[in-house]
Amino acid sequence: MKKIYGNEYLLKTLSNMITSGKTAHSVIIHGEKGTGKKLIADYYTQQLLCNNPIDGKACGECVSCRNVENHMHPDVTYVGTEGKLEGYSVSTARKIITDAFVKPNNNTGRKIYIFRDCRNMSVQTQNVLLKIIEEPPDYAYFIFTAESKYEFLSTIISRCICLAVSQCTEQETISALAELSYSESDIQKAVECFHGNIGACIDYISDEKIHKRIDLTKSIADSIIRGNEYELNRAFYSVGTERNELYDVFAVLDKFFRDCAVLSVNKNAEIIGCFREQALRLSGIIPQYKAVRIHNIIEESRKAVQLNVNALLAVTSLCAEIMKIIY
């Protein structure tokens, strides 16, 4: 399995659960896109199914570990999504519940269900899953990954162990990217944009579409600084209406305003976004409280798109609100 950088406390928590015999049957692994949630879900799955664990850690060499690494283990189910929103349906949840009462046939006597990217898991589906999460068979384990644990109902959260995945240090990110044989210049540009998010850095280096998306978001930031609502709308419209692309632009833009808020108080503060120069310029134009208000409306726009509101309508409203707040 790929090396996991950082997150020592989280990994130690998982190992302690294994060695103490108090393994969590339901876990929510949450954190920013690209920080390794799916990798850590596989890591925990290996620990649960390993034939020869060592101090709570999977050996990585047994048949079970290799099958988990290759996503071929017969008792690991990667639950599928459906529809345009790529959500988990009620019918899928019911099938999982039925299957969960079929005993596994591996040496550890465990079976695992992994729900990845639970951004669009409906309330109805969560309510269907609630009973099995409350009272699972002794051998059944459920792992959920999401950008925020608050994607889930409070009743689900209260019955799961919630593990937050954090970004690595920039030096750890540089080391990870160097091991993948990327050039120094590519690594430097990626880390300047995405700092300790290894997954986002890899995407930035390897996917030209990500480059274009970052450049486009920079144009959006420049339009905001210039107070040009026409250019702002035109830049946003060029993103298109594909939800995942809009989510990514919203995320980068949100970090831009976070950095603006921080830099308005301390010009030398560390940033988490891609555009330090632009954030510094805007921090001289708007006070911190306005940047916080814009953060809130970006989140509202993301939720609106998630709920299938017309994307162009949501973007038009967002642009108007941003300009209203700033100017």
C-alpha atoms as a PDB file:
ATOM      1  CA  MET A   1       0.000   0.000   0.000  1.00  0.00           C
ATOM      2  CA  LYS A   2       1.126   3.544  -0.670  1.00  0.00           C
ATOM      3  CA  LYS A   3       2.889   5.304   2.182  1.00  0.00           C
ATOM      4  CA  ILE A   4       0.653   7.529   4.295  1.00  0.00           C
ATOM      5  CA  TYR A   5       2.325  10.831   5.160  1.00  0.00           C
ATOM      6  CA  GLY A   6       1.469  12.751   8.319  1.00  0.00           C
ATOM      7  CA  ASN A   7      -1.658  11.903  10.338  1.00  0.00           C
ATOM      8  CA  GLU A   8       0.390  10.032  12.939  1.00  0.00           C
ATOM      9  CA  TYR A   9      -2.262  10.466  15.646  1.00  0.00           C
ATOM     10  CA  LEU A  10      -5.014   9.085  13.403  1.00  0.00           C
ATOM     11  CA  LEU A  11      -2.921   6.063  12.388  1.00  0.00           C
ATOM     12  CA  LYS A  12      -1.980   5.404  16.012  1.00  0.00           C
ATOM     13  CA  THR A  13      -5.653   5.563  16.990  1.00  0.00           C
ATOM     14  CA  LEU A  14      -6.486   2.889  14.409  1.00  0.00           C
ATOM     15  CA  SER A  15      -3.617   0.682  15.598  1.00  0.00           C
ATOM     16  CA  ASN A  16      -4.670   1.076  19.234  1.00  0.00           C
ATOM     17  CA  MET A  17      -8.200  -0.005  18.365  1.00  0.00           C
ATOM     18  CA  ILE A  18      -6.834  -3.177  16.747  1.00  0.00           C
ATOM     19  CA  THR A  19      -4.420  -4.097  19.563  1.00  0.00           C
ATOM     20  CA  SER A  20      -6.997  -3.388  22.289  1.00  0.00           C
ATOM     21  CA  GLY A  21      -9.660  -5.461  20.566  1.00  0.00           C
ATOM     22  CA  LYS A  22     -11.984  -2.442  20.538  1.00  0.00           C
ATOM     23  CA  THR A  23     -12.334  -1.994  16.810  1.00  0.00           C
ATOM     24  CA  ALA A  24     -14.950   0.508  15.681  1.00  0.00           C
ATOM     25  CA  HIS A  25     -17.686  -1.088  13.590  1.00  0.00           C
ATOM     26  CA  SER A  26     -18.646   2.253  12.031  1.00  0.00           C
ATOM     27  CA  VAL A  27     -16.100   4.913  11.124  1.00  0.00           C
ATOM     28  CA  ILE A  28     -16.370   8.268   9.364  1.00  0.00           C
ATOM     29  CA  ILE A  29     -13.060   9.396   7.840  1.00  0.00           C
ATOM     30  CA  HIS A  30     -13.388  13.048   6.889  1.00  0.00           C
ATOM     31  CA  GLY A  31     -11.143  15.723   5.439  1.00  0.00           C
ATOM     32  CA  GLU A  32     -10.418  17.879   2.437  1.00  0.00           C
ATOM     33  CA  LYS A  33     -10.401  16.298  -1.006  1.00  0.00           C
ATOM     34  CA  GLY A  34      -6.931  14.934  -1.791  1.00  0.00           C
ATOM     35  CA  THR A  35      -5.779  14.375   1.793  1.00  0.00           C
ATOM     36  CA  GLY A  36      -5.903  10.572   1.613  1.00  0.00           C
ATOM     37  CA  LYS A  37      -9.270   9.557   3.071  1.00  0.00           C
ATOM     38  CA  LYS A  38      -9.704   6.603   0.691  1.00  0.00           C
ATOM     39  CA  LEU A  39      -6.141   5.453   1.316  1.00  0.00           C
ATOM     40  CA  ILE A  40      -6.718   5.519   5.070  1.00  0.00           C
ATOM     41  CA  ALA A  41     -10.015   3.635   4.610  1.00  0.00           C
ATOM     42  CA  ASP A  42      -8.076   0.902   2.782  1.00  0.00           C
ATOM     43  CA  TYR A  43      -5.404   1.010   5.504  1.00  0.00           C
ATOM     44  CA  TYR A  44      -8.030   0.349   8.214  1.00  0.00           C
ATOM     45  CA  THR A  45      -9.563  -2.385   6.060  1.00  0.00           C
ATOM     46  CA  GLN A  46      -6.170  -4.082   5.783  1.00  0.00           C
ATOM     47  CA  GLN A  47      -5.783  -3.911   9.558  1.00  0.00           C
ATOM     48  CA  LEU A  48      -9.175  -5.532  10.058  1.00  0.00           C
ATOM     49  CA  LEU A  49      -8.547  -8.366   7.594  1.00  0.00           C
ATOM     50  CA  CYS A  50      -4.791  -8.999   7.879  1.00  0.00           C
ATOM     51  CA  ASN A  51      -3.865 -12.617   8.587  1.00  0.00           C
ATOM     52  CA  ASN A  52      -0.579 -11.694  10.324  1.00  0.00           C
ATOM     53  CA  PRO A  53      -0.937  -8.275  12.034  1.00  0.00           C
ATOM     54  CA  ILE A  54       2.121  -6.818  13.756  1.00  0.00           C
ATOM     55  CA  ASP A  55       1.496  -4.480  16.719  1.00  0.00           C
ATOM     56  CA  GLY A  56      -1.905  -3.483  15.349  1.00  0.00           C
ATOM     57  CA  LYS A  57      -0.556  -2.857  11.857  1.00  0.00           C
ATOM     58  CA  ALA A  58      -1.282  -4.900   8.754  1.00  0.00           C
ATOM     59  CA  CYS A  59       1.657  -6.958   7.494  1.00  0.00           C
ATOM     60  CA  GLY A  60       1.021  -5.833   3.913  1.00  0.00           C
ATOM     61  CA  GLU A  61       2.261  -9.160   2.571  1.00  0.00           C
ATOM     62  CA  CYS A  62      -0.408 -11.798   3.251  1.00  0.00           C
ATOM     63  CA  VAL A  63      -2.996 -12.763   0.649  1.00  0.00           C
ATOM     64  CA  SER A  64      -5.659 -10.754   2.441  1.00  0.00           C
ATOM     65  CA  CYS A  65      -3.551  -7.570   2.529  1.00  0.00           C
ATOM     66  CA  ARG A  66      -2.661  -7.897  -1.148  1.00  0.00           C
ATOM     67  CA  ASN A  67      -6.300  -8.457  -2.074  1.00  0.00           C
ATOM     68  CA  VAL A  68      -7.365  -5.351  -0.166  1.00  0.00           C
ATOM     69  CA  GLU A  69      -4.613  -3.310  -1.824  1.00  0.00           C
ATOM     70  CA  ASN A  70      -5.805  -4.470  -5.259  1.00  0.00           C
ATOM     71  CA  HIS A  71      -9.482  -3.972  -4.350  1.00  0.00           C
ATOM     72  CA  MET A  72     -10.128  -7.680  -4.945  1.00  0.00           C
ATOM     73  CA  HIS A  73     -11.008  -8.970  -1.493  1.00  0.00           C
ATOM     74  CA  PRO A  74     -14.266 -10.999  -1.576  1.00  0.00           C
ATOM     75  CA  ASP A  75     -15.389  -9.657   1.787  1.00  0.00           C
ATOM     76  CA  VAL A  76     -14.787  -5.972   1.028  1.00  0.00           C
ATOM     77  CA  THR A  77     -17.611  -4.159  -0.741  1.00  0.00           C
ATOM     78  CA  TYR A  78     -17.011  -0.747  -2.304  1.00  0.00           C
ATOM     79  CA  VAL A  79     -20.600   0.434  -2.370  1.00  0.00           C
ATOM     80  CA  GLY A  80     -21.618   1.927  -5.717  1.00  0.00           C
ATOM     81  CA  THR A  81     -23.273   5.297  -6.313  1.00  0.00           C
ATOM     82  CA  GLU A  82     -26.087   6.150  -8.694  1.00  0.00           C
ATOM     83  CA  GLY A  83     -27.477   9.029 -10.743  1.00  0.00           C
ATOM     84  CA  LYS A  84     -26.184  12.443 -11.774  1.00  0.00           C
ATOM     85  CA  LEU A  85     -25.471  13.387  -8.162  1.00  0.00           C
ATOM     86  CA  GLU A  86     -23.515  10.152  -7.629  1.00  0.00           C
ATOM     87  CA  GLY A  87     -25.388   9.461  -4.419  1.00  0.00           C
ATOM     88  CA  TYR A  88     -26.248   6.312  -2.481  1.00  0.00           C
ATOM     89  CA  SER A  89     -29.827   5.168  -3.067  1.00  0.00           C
ATOM     90  CA  VAL A  90     -32.237   3.697  -0.540  1.00  0.00           C
ATOM     91  CA  SER A  91     -32.387   0.473  -2.559  1.00  0.00           C
ATOM     92  CA  THR A  92     -28.592   0.174  -2.429  1.00  0.00           C
ATOM     93  CA  ALA A  93     -28.648   0.675   1.336  1.00  0.00           C
ATOM     94  CA  ARG A  94     -31.243  -2.068   1.735  1.00  0.00           C
ATOM     95  CA  LYS A  95     -29.174  -4.470  -0.364  1.00  0.00           C
ATOM     96  CA  ILE A  96     -26.151  -3.774   1.842  1.00  0.00           C
ATOM     97  CA  ILE A  97     -28.178  -4.445   4.983  1.00  0.00           C
ATOM     98  CA  THR A  98     -29.362  -7.783   3.593  1.00  0.00           C
ATOM     99  CA  ASP A  99     -25.825  -8.735   2.575  1.00  0.00           C
ATOM    100  CA  ALA A 100     -24.442  -7.707   5.969  1.00  0.00           C
ATOM    101  CA  PHE A 101     -26.256 -10.638   7.586  1.00  0.00           C
ATOM    102  CA  VAL A 102     -24.451 -13.136   5.359  1.00  0.00           C
ATOM    103  CA  LYS A 103     -21.421 -14.327   7.298  1.00  0.00           C
ATOM    104  CA  PRO A 104     -17.949 -13.888   5.769  1.00  0.00           C
ATOM    105  CA  ASN A 105     -15.675 -16.782   4.881  1.00  0.00           C
ATOM    106  CA  ASN A 106     -12.204 -15.335   5.584  1.00  0.00           C
ATOM    107  CA  ASN A 107      -9.816 -16.193   8.421  1.00  0.00           C
ATOM    108  CA  THR A 108     -10.579 -13.067  10.453  1.00  0.00           C
ATOM    109  CA  GLY A 109     -14.345 -13.564  10.281  1.00  0.00           C
ATOM    110  CA  ARG A 110     -14.953  -9.960   9.214  1.00  0.00           C
ATOM    111  CA  LYS A 111     -16.499  -8.197   6.231  1.00  0.00           C
ATOM    112  CA  ILE A 112     -16.277  -4.517   5.383  1.00  0.00           C
ATOM    113  CA  TYR A 113     -18.490  -2.085   3.504  1.00  0.00           C
ATOM    114  CA  ILE A 114     -16.879   1.133   2.259  1.00  0.00           C
ATOM    115  CA  PHE A 115     -18.985   4.146   1.271  1.00  0.00           C
ATOM    116  CA  ARG A 116     -16.678   6.632  -0.440  1.00  0.00           C
ATOM    117  CA  ASP A 117     -17.355  10.323  -1.138  1.00  0.00           C
ATOM    118  CA  CYS A 118     -20.579  10.600   0.845  1.00  0.00           C
ATOM    119  CA  ARG A 119     -21.245  14.158  -0.251  1.00  0.00           C
ATOM    120  CA  ASN A 120     -24.660  13.246  -1.656  1.00  0.00           C
ATOM    121  CA  MET A 121     -25.990  10.601   0.715  1.00  0.00           C
ATOM    122  CA  SER A 122     -29.672  11.443   1.181  1.00  0.00           C
ATOM    123  CA  VAL A 123     -31.438  11.695   4.519  1.00  0.00           C
ATOM    124  CA  GLN A 124     -33.625   8.744   3.507  1.00  0.00           C
ATOM    125  CA  THR A 125     -30.608   6.536   2.794  1.00  0.00           C
ATOM    126  CA  GLN A 126     -28.941   7.501   6.068  1.00  0.00           C
ATOM    127  CA  ASN A 127     -32.096   6.682   8.004  1.00  0.00           C
ATOM    128  CA  VAL A 128     -32.242   3.263   6.343  1.00  0.00           C
ATOM    129  CA  LEU A 129     -28.603   2.608   7.336  1.00  0.00           C
ATOM    130  CA  LEU A 130     -29.063   3.878  10.877  1.00  0.00           C
ATOM    131  CA  LYS A 131     -30.376   0.608  12.330  1.00  0.00           C
ATOM    132  CA  ILE A 132     -27.507  -1.522  10.972  1.00  0.00           C
ATOM    133  CA  ILE A 133     -24.999   1.083  12.212  1.00  0.00           C
ATOM    134  CA  GLU A 134     -26.614   1.007  15.665  1.00  0.00           C
ATOM    135  CA  GLU A 135     -26.678  -2.781  15.909  1.00  0.00           C
ATOM    136  CA  PRO A 136     -24.316  -4.335  13.360  1.00  0.00           C
ATOM    137  CA  PRO A 137     -23.532  -8.049  13.251  1.00  0.00           C
ATOM    138  CA  ASP A 138     -20.315  -8.754  15.142  1.00  0.00           C
ATOM    139  CA  TYR A 139     -18.430  -9.360  11.898  1.00  0.00           C
ATOM    140  CA  ALA A 140     -19.707  -6.341   9.863  1.00  0.00           C
ATOM    141  CA  TYR A 141     -17.834  -3.043   9.587  1.00  0.00           C
ATOM    142  CA  PHE A 142     -18.864   0.170   7.841  1.00  0.00           C
ATOM    143  CA  ILE A 143     -16.412   2.838   6.672  1.00  0.00           C
ATOM    144  CA  PHE A 144     -17.580   6.189   5.306  1.00  0.00           C
ATOM    145  CA  THR A 145     -15.429   8.910   3.728  1.00  0.00           C
ATOM    146  CA  ALA A 146     -16.537  12.511   3.249  1.00  0.00           C
ATOM    147  CA  GLU A 147     -15.088  15.999   3.125  1.00  0.00           C
ATOM    148  CA  SER A 148     -17.001  16.875   6.307  1.00  0.00           C
ATOM    149  CA  LYS A 149     -18.559  14.709   8.988  1.00  0.00           C
ATOM    150  CA  TYR A 150     -21.493  17.118   8.891  1.00  0.00           C
ATOM    151  CA  GLU A 151     -22.532  15.591   5.580  1.00  0.00           C
ATOM    152  CA  PHE A 152     -24.162  13.030   7.899  1.00  0.00           C
ATOM    153  CA  LEU A 153     -27.144  13.202  10.214  1.00  0.00           C
ATOM    154  CA  SER A 154     -26.344  13.803  13.872  1.00  0.00           C
ATOM    155  CA  THR A 155     -27.804  10.376  14.657  1.00  0.00           C
ATOM    156  CA  ILE A 156     -25.253   8.779  12.315  1.00  0.00           C
ATOM    157  CA  ILE A 157     -22.360  10.880  13.651  1.00  0.00           C
ATOM    158  CA  SER A 158     -23.143   9.942  17.255  1.00  0.00           C
ATOM    159  CA  ARG A 159     -22.916   6.235  16.431  1.00  0.00           C
ATOM    160  CA  CYS A 160     -19.621   6.401  14.518  1.00  0.00           C
ATOM    161  CA  ILE A 161     -16.006   7.042  15.406  1.00  0.00           C
ATOM    162  CA  CYS A 162     -15.130  10.224  13.486  1.00  0.00           C
ATOM    163  CA  LEU A 163     -11.502  10.545  12.340  1.00  0.00           C
ATOM    164  CA  ALA A 164     -10.279  13.799  10.828  1.00  0.00           C
ATOM    165  CA  VAL A 165      -7.607  13.562   8.117  1.00  0.00           C
ATOM    166  CA  SER A 166      -5.272  16.550   8.040  1.00  0.00           C
ATOM    167  CA  GLN A 167      -2.911  17.906   5.442  1.00  0.00           C
ATOM    168  CA  CYS A 168       0.784  17.103   5.651  1.00  0.00           C
ATOM    169  CA  THR A 169       3.573  19.616   6.081  1.00  0.00           C
ATOM    170  CA  GLU A 170       4.867  21.132   2.859  1.00  0.00           C
ATOM    171  CA  GLN A 171       8.158  19.298   3.358  1.00  0.00           C
ATOM    172  CA  GLU A 172       6.338  15.966   3.653  1.00  0.00           C
ATOM    173  CA  THR A 173       4.463  16.813   0.474  1.00  0.00           C
ATOM    174  CA  ILE A 174       7.696  17.626  -1.344  1.00  0.00           C
ATOM    175  CA  SER A 175       9.155  14.284  -0.205  1.00  0.00           C
ATOM    176  CA  ALA A 176       6.067  12.382  -1.345  1.00  0.00           C
ATOM    177  CA  LEU A 177       6.085  14.039  -4.768  1.00  0.00           C
ATOM    178  CA  ALA A 178       9.837  13.521  -5.170  1.00  0.00           C
ATOM    179  CA  GLU A 179       9.342   9.791  -4.575  1.00  0.00           C
ATOM    180  CA  LEU A 180       6.972   9.822  -7.537  1.00  0.00           C
ATOM    181  CA  SER A 181       9.771  11.272  -9.694  1.00  0.00           C
ATOM    182  CA  TYR A 182       8.106  14.582 -10.511  1.00  0.00           C
ATOM    183  CA  SER A 183      10.417  17.423 -11.511  1.00  0.00           C
ATOM    184  CA  GLU A 184      11.482  20.024  -8.964  1.00  0.00           C
ATOM    185  CA  SER A 185       9.754  22.815 -10.884  1.00  0.00           C
ATOM    186  CA  ASP A 186       6.456  20.903 -11.056  1.00  0.00           C
ATOM    187  CA  ILE A 187       6.689  20.096  -7.337  1.00  0.00           C
ATOM    188  CA  GLN A 188       7.368  23.717  -6.439  1.00  0.00           C
ATOM    189  CA  LYS A 189       4.410  25.022  -8.464  1.00  0.00           C
ATOM    190  CA  ALA A 190       2.089  22.361  -7.046  1.00  0.00           C
ATOM    191  CA  VAL A 191       3.095  22.977  -3.413  1.00  0.00           C
ATOM    192  CA  GLU A 192       2.739  26.758  -3.879  1.00  0.00           C
ATOM    193  CA  CYS A 193      -0.879  26.111  -4.869  1.00  0.00           C
ATOM    194  CA  PHE A 194      -1.927  23.216  -2.655  1.00  0.00           C
ATOM    195  CA  HIS A 195       0.636  23.215   0.175  1.00  0.00           C
ATOM    196  CA  GLY A 196       0.235  20.011   2.236  1.00  0.00           C
ATOM    197  CA  ASN A 197      -2.470  18.362   0.152  1.00  0.00           C
ATOM    198  CA  ILE A 198      -0.588  15.573  -1.635  1.00  0.00           C
ATOM    199  CA  GLY A 199      -3.536  14.365  -3.697  1.00  0.00           C
ATOM    200  CA  ALA A 200      -4.338  17.848  -4.981  1.00  0.00           C
ATOM    201  CA  CYS A 201      -0.653  18.397  -5.849  1.00  0.00           C
ATOM    202  CA  ILE A 202      -0.559  15.147  -7.845  1.00  0.00           C
ATOM    203  CA  ASP A 203      -3.734  16.122  -9.706  1.00  0.00           C
ATOM    204  CA  TYR A 204      -2.303  19.559 -10.446  1.00  0.00           C
ATOM    205  CA  ILE A 205       0.879  18.100 -11.930  1.00  0.00           C
ATOM    206  CA  SER A 206      -0.736  15.287 -13.888  1.00  0.00           C
ATOM    207  CA  ASP A 207      -4.022  16.795 -15.078  1.00  0.00           C
ATOM    208  CA  GLU A 208      -4.034  19.746 -17.465  1.00  0.00           C
ATOM    209  CA  LYS A 209      -7.692  20.359 -16.631  1.00  0.00           C
ATOM    210  CA  ILE A 210      -6.702  21.215 -13.052  1.00  0.00           C
ATOM    211  CA  HIS A 211      -4.182  23.758 -14.370  1.00  0.00           C
ATOM    212  CA  LYS A 212      -6.925  25.399 -16.419  1.00  0.00           C
ATOM    213  CA  ARG A 213      -9.328  25.357 -13.470  1.00  0.00           C
ATOM    214  CA  ILE A 214      -6.788  27.105 -11.229  1.00  0.00           C
ATOM    215  CA  ASP A 215      -6.050  29.694 -13.933  1.00  0.00           C
ATOM    216  CA  LEU A 216      -9.770  30.252 -14.333  1.00  0.00           C
ATOM    217  CA  THR A 217     -10.250  30.748 -10.593  1.00  0.00           C
ATOM    218  CA  LYS A 218      -7.372  33.225 -10.640  1.00  0.00           C
ATOM    219  CA  SER A 219      -9.265  35.150 -13.336  1.00  0.00           C
ATOM    220  CA  ILE A 220     -12.326  35.113 -11.078  1.00  0.00           C
ATOM    221  CA  ALA A 221     -10.221  36.530  -8.219  1.00  0.00           C
ATOM    222  CA  ASP A 222      -8.778  39.240 -10.492  1.00  0.00           C
ATOM    223  CA  SER A 223     -12.274  40.212 -11.668  1.00  0.00           C
ATOM    224  CA  ILE A 224     -13.409  40.550  -8.055  1.00  0.00           C
ATOM    225  CA  ILE A 225     -10.445  42.763  -7.195  1.00  0.00           C
ATOM    226  CA  ARG A 226     -11.160  45.002 -10.200  1.00  0.00           C
ATOM    227  CA  GLY A 227     -14.844  45.146  -9.342  1.00  0.00           C
ATOM    228  CA  ASN A 228     -15.820  44.020 -12.823  1.00  0.00           C
ATOM    229  CA  GLU A 229     -19.045  42.026 -12.483  1.00  0.00           C
ATOM    230  CA  TYR A 230     -19.286  41.352 -16.216  1.00  0.00           C
ATOM    231  CA  GLU A 231     -15.827  39.720 -16.278  1.00  0.00           C
ATOM    232  CA  LEU A 232     -16.681  37.843 -13.088  1.00  0.00           C
ATOM    233  CA  ASN A 233     -19.823  36.343 -14.612  1.00  0.00           C
ATOM    234  CA  ARG A 234     -18.042  35.499 -17.854  1.00  0.00           C
ATOM    235  CA  ALA A 235     -15.210  33.743 -16.009  1.00  0.00           C
ATOM    236  CA  PHE A 236     -17.668  31.748 -13.885  1.00  0.00           C
ATOM    237  CA  TYR A 237     -19.798  30.779 -16.877  1.00  0.00           C
ATOM    238  CA  SER A 238     -16.738  29.354 -18.621  1.00  0.00           C
ATOM    239  CA  VAL A 239     -16.467  26.810 -15.780  1.00  0.00           C
ATOM    240  CA  GLY A 240     -19.615  25.175 -17.144  1.00  0.00           C
ATOM    241  CA  THR A 241     -22.373  23.409 -15.241  1.00  0.00           C
ATOM    242  CA  GLU A 242     -20.656  20.138 -14.319  1.00  0.00           C
ATOM    243  CA  ARG A 243     -21.066  19.889 -10.566  1.00  0.00           C
ATOM    244  CA  ASN A 244     -17.683  18.475  -9.603  1.00  0.00           C
ATOM    245  CA  GLU A 245     -15.882  21.218 -11.544  1.00  0.00           C
ATOM    246  CA  LEU A 246     -18.009  23.865  -9.848  1.00  0.00           C
ATOM    247  CA  TYR A 247     -17.310  22.303  -6.446  1.00  0.00           C
ATOM    248  CA  ASP A 248     -13.569  22.516  -7.123  1.00  0.00           C
ATOM    249  CA  VAL A 249     -13.792  26.177  -8.178  1.00  0.00           C
ATOM    250  CA  PHE A 250     -15.928  26.985  -5.134  1.00  0.00           C
ATOM    251  CA  ALA A 251     -13.334  25.286  -2.895  1.00  0.00           C
ATOM    252  CA  VAL A 252     -10.378  27.230  -4.358  1.00  0.00           C
ATOM    253  CA  LEU A 253     -12.315  30.509  -4.265  1.00  0.00           C
ATOM    254  CA  ASP A 254     -13.373  29.876  -0.667  1.00  0.00           C
ATOM    255  CA  LYS A 255      -9.740  29.443   0.381  1.00  0.00           C
ATOM    256  CA  PHE A 256      -8.920  32.691  -1.429  1.00  0.00           C
ATOM    257  CA  PHE A 257     -11.385  34.598   0.754  1.00  0.00           C
ATOM    258  CA  ARG A 258     -10.179  32.769   3.860  1.00  0.00           C
ATOM    259  CA  ASP A 259      -6.647  33.939   3.071  1.00  0.00           C
ATOM    260  CA  CYS A 260      -7.955  37.451   2.451  1.00  0.00           C
ATOM    261  CA  ALA A 261      -9.543  37.478   5.926  1.00  0.00           C
ATOM    262  CA  VAL A 262      -6.346  36.268   7.610  1.00  0.00           C
ATOM    263  CA  LEU A 263      -4.047  38.607   5.674  1.00  0.00           C
ATOM    264  CA  SER A 264      -6.212  41.599   6.552  1.00  0.00           C
ATOM    265  CA  VAL A 265      -5.055  41.057  10.139  1.00  0.00           C
ATOM    266  CA  ASN A 266      -1.507  39.785   9.523  1.00  0.00           C
ATOM    267  CA  LYS A 267       0.151  40.400   6.153  1.00  0.00           C
ATOM    268  CA  ASN A 268       2.768  37.717   6.889  1.00  0.00           C
ATOM    269  CA  ALA A 269       0.342  34.972   7.875  1.00  0.00           C
ATOM    270  CA  GLU A 270       0.516  31.542   6.270  1.00  0.00           C
ATOM    271  CA  ILE A 271      -2.073  30.932   3.582  1.00  0.00           C
ATOM    272  CA  ILE A 272      -3.945  27.791   2.530  1.00  0.00           C
ATOM    273  CA  GLY A 273      -4.983  28.922  -0.956  1.00  0.00           C
ATOM    274  CA  CYS A 274      -3.338  29.408  -4.333  1.00  0.00           C
ATOM    275  CA  PHE A 275      -3.242  33.184  -4.753  1.00  0.00           C
ATOM    276  CA  ARG A 276      -1.247  35.010  -2.086  1.00  0.00           C
ATOM    277  CA  GLU A 277      -0.685  38.153  -4.167  1.00  0.00           C
ATOM    278  CA  GLN A 278      -4.369  38.506  -5.047  1.00  0.00           C
ATOM    279  CA  ALA A 279      -5.451  37.756  -1.477  1.00  0.00           C
ATOM    280  CA  LEU A 280      -3.098  40.472  -0.203  1.00  0.00           C
ATOM    281  CA  ARG A 281      -4.528  42.978  -2.672  1.00  0.00           C
ATOM    282  CA  LEU A 282      -8.123  42.189  -1.749  1.00  0.00           C
ATOM    283  CA  SER A 283      -7.298  42.274   1.986  1.00  0.00           C
ATOM    284  CA  GLY A 284      -6.484  45.962   1.480  1.00  0.00           C
ATOM    285  CA  ILE A 285      -9.911  46.533  -0.055  1.00  0.00           C
ATOM    286  CA  ILE A 286     -12.322  44.672   2.224  1.00  0.00           C
ATOM    287  CA  PRO A 287     -12.353  44.146   5.999  1.00  0.00           C
ATOM    288  CA  GLN A 288     -12.252  40.700   7.534  1.00  0.00           C
ATOM    289  CA  TYR A 289     -15.973  40.479   8.273  1.00  0.00           C
ATOM    290  CA  LYS A 290     -16.834  40.911   4.584  1.00  0.00           C
ATOM    291  CA  ALA A 291     -14.528  38.071   3.606  1.00  0.00           C
ATOM    292  CA  VAL A 292     -16.306  35.883   6.168  1.00  0.00           C
ATOM    293  CA  ARG A 293     -19.704  36.846   4.718  1.00  0.00           C
ATOM    294  CA  ILE A 294     -18.521  35.861   1.246  1.00  0.00           C
ATOM    295  CA  HIS A 295     -17.315  32.524   2.617  1.00  0.00           C
ATOM    296  CA  ASN A 296     -20.868  31.917   3.825  1.00  0.00           C
ATOM    297  CA  ILE A 297     -22.503  32.672   0.485  1.00  0.00           C
ATOM    298  CA  ILE A 298     -19.995  30.457  -1.360  1.00  0.00           C
ATOM    299  CA  GLU A 299     -21.030  27.610   0.947  1.00  0.00           C
ATOM    300  CA  GLU A 300     -24.704  28.396   0.272  1.00  0.00           C
ATOM    301  CA  SER A 301     -24.031  28.281  -3.476  1.00  0.00           C
ATOM    302  CA  ARG A 302     -22.274  24.925  -3.138  1.00  0.00           C
ATOM    303  CA  LYS A 303     -25.246  23.517  -1.246  1.00  0.00           C
ATOM    304  CA  ALA A 304     -27.662  24.917  -3.837  1.00  0.00           C
ATOM    305  CA  VAL A 305     -25.801  23.185  -6.668  1.00  0.00           C
ATOM    306  CA  GLN A 306     -25.657  20.016  -4.577  1.00  0.00           C
ATOM    307  CA  LEU A 307     -29.461  20.163  -4.221  1.00  0.00           C
ATOM    308  CA  ASN A 308     -29.796  20.319  -8.008  1.00  0.00           C
ATOM    309  CA  VAL A 309     -30.587  24.039  -8.277  1.00  0.00           C
ATOM    310  CA  ASN A 310     -29.826  25.332 -11.779  1.00  0.00           C
ATOM    311  CA  ALA A 311     -26.045  25.846 -11.777  1.00  0.00           C
ATOM    312  CA  LEU A 312     -26.052  29.006 -13.915  1.00  0.00           C
ATOM    313  CA  LEU A 313     -28.701  30.558 -11.697  1.00  0.00           C
ATOM    314  CA  ALA A 314     -26.676  29.729  -8.576  1.00  0.00           C
ATOM    315  CA  VAL A 315     -23.491  31.188 -10.099  1.00  0.00           C
ATOM    316  CA  THR A 316     -25.249  34.381 -11.250  1.00  0.00           C
ATOM    317  CA  SER A 317     -26.640  34.887  -7.765  1.00  0.00           C
ATOM    318  CA  LEU A 318     -23.210  34.247  -6.225  1.00  0.00           C
ATOM    319  CA  CYS A 319     -21.508  36.818  -8.466  1.00  0.00           C
ATOM    320  CA  ALA A 320     -24.123  39.453  -7.650  1.00  0.00           C
ATOM    321  CA  GLU A 321     -23.844  38.793  -3.902  1.00  0.00           C
ATOM    322  CA  ILE A 322     -20.033  38.983  -3.942  1.00  0.00           C
ATOM    323  CA  MET A 323     -20.084  42.350  -5.705  1.00  0.00           C
ATOM    324  CA  LYS A 324     -22.831  43.633  -3.418  1.00  0.00           C
ATOM    325  CA  ILE A 325     -20.829  42.776  -0.310  1.00  0.00           C
ATOM    326  CA  ILE A 326     -17.525  44.204  -1.567  1.00  0.00           C
ATOM    327  CA  TYR A 327     -18.675  47.272  -3.450  1.00  0.00           C
END
